Each structure stands twice: as structure tokens, then as C-alpha cells.
Amino acid sequence: MKHNVFRLNMILLLVAAIVHPCKAQTTFSFGYDASGNRLTRTISLKSALITQDSVEIKKAQIPLDDLIGQHKIRIYPNPTKGILGVEIQNIGENTANLQIYSLGGLLLQKVRLASEYGNVDLIRQPAGIYFLKIIVGNKNAVWKIIKE
């Protein structure tokens, strides 16, 4: 009896697969730089209800942009695989201090920037959420950083 029920279920499963074939509806592809940081994400959707053509959505890694006083700040990529780029425009003769904190508030790293571009190395840190505090002059701001 159990054998017949199993056979019947298998036959119904095969008939369902033939009548309604399964096809992949969504594909994902990612672009990475030499350090392993994700730069691009492409999502291709295929919907049989609307059209048979493929619809492709492209989303480049969008950097975080903000201001500290008169200084435009750009942080990229977020999420990161390890190396986080920081750009501070119009820094002039000022210096900027970058501080990385763990989710628990522990100061993990300090970086001093004397130019507009710099990197924060998170390669040795485990995947998780971190906070980046940037101090320029007497102004500061904090961003959430995700390490994959």
C-alpha cells in the first residue's frame, strides 16, 4: 500500500513538472574589484505574465554621500569586503580623523587623513556592522558600515 502511494505521488509530481515546467525567473550577477569589494550588481528578471522578454535592472554600488560642514564626504563601497574608501573634498590644509568602532562601541582603528582620499582596512575584522566616525575640525559625523 505504501509503495503504491509513493508511486502515485511520483507520477503526480512528474505530470506536474511536464505540464508546468519550472524555469529560473531571476538571475543575479556581481562585479568585483581586485580587492574583492562588490562594485556592481545586476538582476535579470523574466516574467511570463507581462512579457517573454528579459528585463534587466542594473544598480551600481552607490557611495554614501554627506556633508561635514563645508566638506563633502564620500564613503564606498558599503557593504565592503574589506577596504573602505573615504573621500573628503575641500579638505585643504585641514586633517581628518577616521575612527572605526565595533557594534559594542570599542574603538578598533584610527586613521589620520592629510589628503582628500584615504582607505580604512577592515580585512582582518569579521563580517558584521561597524561605525565609521569622521572628524574634520570641530565637526563630526558617524556612518554605519557593513563588512561582508
Protein backbone atom coordinates (compact mmCIF):
# COMPACT_ATOMS: atom_id res chain seq x y z
CA MET A 1 0.00 0.00 0.00
CA LYS A 2 2.78 2.45 0.97
CA HIS A 3 4.64 1.60 -2.22
CA ASN A 4 1.56 2.41 -4.34
CA VAL A 5 1.05 5.77 -2.59
CA PHE A 6 4.71 6.64 -3.20
CA ARG A 7 4.41 5.62 -6.87
CA LEU A 8 1.23 7.71 -7.25
CA ASN A 9 2.92 10.74 -5.69
CA MET A 10 5.92 10.39 -8.02
CA ILE A 11 3.64 10.12 -11.07
CA LEU A 12 1.71 13.23 -10.00
CA LEU A 13 4.98 15.11 -9.46
CA LEU A 14 6.24 14.13 -12.94
CA VAL A 15 2.94 15.12 -14.57
CA ALA A 16 3.03 18.50 -12.76
CA ALA A 17 6.61 19.08 -13.93
CA ILE A 18 5.68 18.29 -17.55
CA VAL A 19 2.51 20.39 -17.56
CA HIS A 20 4.10 23.35 -15.73
CA PRO A 21 7.85 23.36 -16.41
CA CYS A 22 9.99 25.15 -13.84
CA LYS A 23 12.23 27.88 -15.20
CA ALA A 24 14.57 30.25 -13.45
CA GLN A 25 12.81 33.57 -13.10
CA THR A 26 15.61 35.69 -11.66
CA THR A 27 19.35 35.66 -12.15
CA PHE A 28 21.94 37.67 -10.25
CA SER A 29 25.45 38.65 -11.24
CA PHE A 30 28.01 40.71 -9.38
CA GLY A 31 31.12 42.66 -10.36
CA TYR A 32 34.10 42.87 -8.00
CA ASP A 33 37.33 44.86 -7.91
CA ALA A 34 40.77 43.29 -7.29
CA SER A 35 40.32 43.55 -3.51
CA GLY A 36 37.06 41.62 -3.59
CA ASN A 37 34.78 44.61 -2.98
CA ARG A 38 31.47 44.42 -4.81
CA LEU A 39 31.17 47.23 -7.35
CA THR A 40 28.10 46.25 -9.37
CA ARG A 41 25.04 44.10 -9.00
CA THR A 42 22.89 43.05 -12.00
CA ILE A 43 19.49 41.48 -11.50
CA SER A 44 17.78 39.96 -14.53
CA LEU A 45 14.08 39.29 -14.18
CA LYS A 46 11.91 37.22 -16.52
CA SER A 47 8.18 37.44 -16.09
CA ALA A 48 5.88 35.24 -18.19
CA LEU A 49 2.83 37.21 -17.09
CA ILE A 50 3.94 40.53 -18.59
CA THR A 51 6.23 39.66 -21.47
CA GLN A 52 8.61 36.98 -22.67
CA ASP A 53 11.47 39.50 -22.93
CA SER A 54 14.04 39.77 -20.19
CA VAL A 55 14.05 42.84 -18.02
CA GLU A 56 17.45 43.84 -16.68
CA ILE A 57 17.92 46.11 -13.71
CA LYS A 58 21.41 47.48 -13.21
CA LYS A 59 22.40 49.05 -9.93
CA ALA A 60 25.92 50.27 -9.43
CA GLN A 61 27.34 50.44 -5.96
CA ILE A 62 26.14 53.84 -4.80
CA PRO A 63 28.56 55.56 -2.43
CA LEU A 64 27.38 57.21 0.76
CA ASP A 65 27.49 61.00 0.30
CA ASP A 66 27.12 63.51 3.11
CA LEU A 67 28.46 66.82 4.39
CA ILE A 68 30.50 67.72 7.42
CA GLY A 69 30.49 71.50 7.50
CA GLN A 70 31.62 72.59 4.03
CA HIS A 71 33.30 69.25 3.29
CA LYS A 72 31.58 66.72 1.03
CA ILE A 73 32.16 63.19 2.30
CA ARG A 74 32.01 60.07 0.13
CA ILE A 75 32.32 56.54 1.57
CA TYR A 76 32.48 53.50 -0.71
CA PRO A 77 31.74 50.61 -1.14
CA ASN A 78 29.22 49.88 1.55
CA PRO A 79 28.81 46.97 2.12
CA THR A 80 32.53 46.24 1.81
CA LYS A 81 34.62 43.10 1.61
CA GLY A 82 37.49 44.77 3.46
CA ILE A 83 38.89 48.03 2.06
CA LEU A 84 36.65 51.05 2.59
CA GLY A 85 37.40 54.17 0.54
CA VAL A 86 36.86 57.60 2.08
CA GLU A 87 36.92 60.86 0.12
CA ILE A 88 36.73 64.24 1.82
CA GLN A 89 36.50 67.11 -0.64
CA ASN A 90 37.88 70.59 0.06
CA ILE A 91 39.96 69.38 2.98
CA GLY A 92 42.67 71.93 2.12
CA GLU A 93 45.27 72.16 4.87
CA ASN A 94 42.99 70.53 7.45
CA THR A 95 43.38 66.95 8.51
CA ALA A 96 40.60 64.47 9.12
CA ASN A 97 40.47 61.70 11.69
CA LEU A 98 38.69 58.47 10.87
CA GLN A 99 37.71 56.12 13.67
CA ILE A 100 36.24 52.65 13.31
CA TYR A 101 34.11 51.34 16.19
CA SER A 102 32.63 47.90 16.76
CA LEU A 103 28.91 47.48 17.30
CA GLY A 104 29.66 47.38 21.03
CA GLY A 105 31.42 50.78 20.91
CA LEU A 106 35.02 49.54 21.08
CA LEU A 107 37.48 51.73 19.14
CA LEU A 108 39.16 49.37 16.64
CA GLN A 109 41.17 51.67 14.41
CA LYS A 110 42.24 55.28 13.91
CA VAL A 111 43.33 56.74 10.58
CA ARG A 112 44.55 60.30 10.02
CA LEU A 113 43.93 61.78 6.56
CA ALA A 114 46.03 64.68 5.32
CA SER A 115 44.71 64.45 1.73
CA GLU A 116 41.28 64.11 0.13
CA TYR A 117 41.48 60.33 -0.34
CA GLY A 118 42.11 57.52 2.09
CA ASN A 119 41.31 53.91 2.90
CA VAL A 120 40.20 52.09 6.02
CA ASP A 121 41.32 48.47 6.21
CA LEU A 122 38.65 46.13 7.61
CA ILE A 123 40.08 42.96 6.06
CA ARG A 124 41.11 41.46 9.41
CA GLN A 125 37.77 42.28 11.03
CA PRO A 126 34.98 39.68 10.99
CA ALA A 127 31.83 40.25 8.96
CA GLY A 128 29.37 42.47 10.77
CA ILE A 129 28.29 46.04 11.43
CA TYR A 130 30.78 48.78 12.28
CA PHE A 131 30.59 52.52 12.78
CA LEU A 132 32.84 55.00 11.00
CA LYS A 133 33.27 58.34 12.72
CA ILE A 134 34.84 61.14 10.68
CA ILE A 135 36.11 64.24 12.46
CA VAL A 136 37.04 67.34 10.43
CA GLY A 137 37.93 70.37 12.52
CA ASN A 138 35.33 70.64 15.29
CA LYS A 139 32.61 68.80 13.33
CA ASN A 140 31.99 65.08 13.10
CA ALA A 141 29.53 62.52 11.74
CA VAL A 142 29.02 58.77 12.10
CA TRP A 143 28.06 56.19 9.43
CA LYS A 144 27.06 52.55 9.68
CA ILE A 145 29.41 50.30 7.68
CA ILE A 146 28.63 46.71 6.76
CA LYS A 147 31.50 44.26 6.33
CA GLU A 148 30.54 41.17 4.34
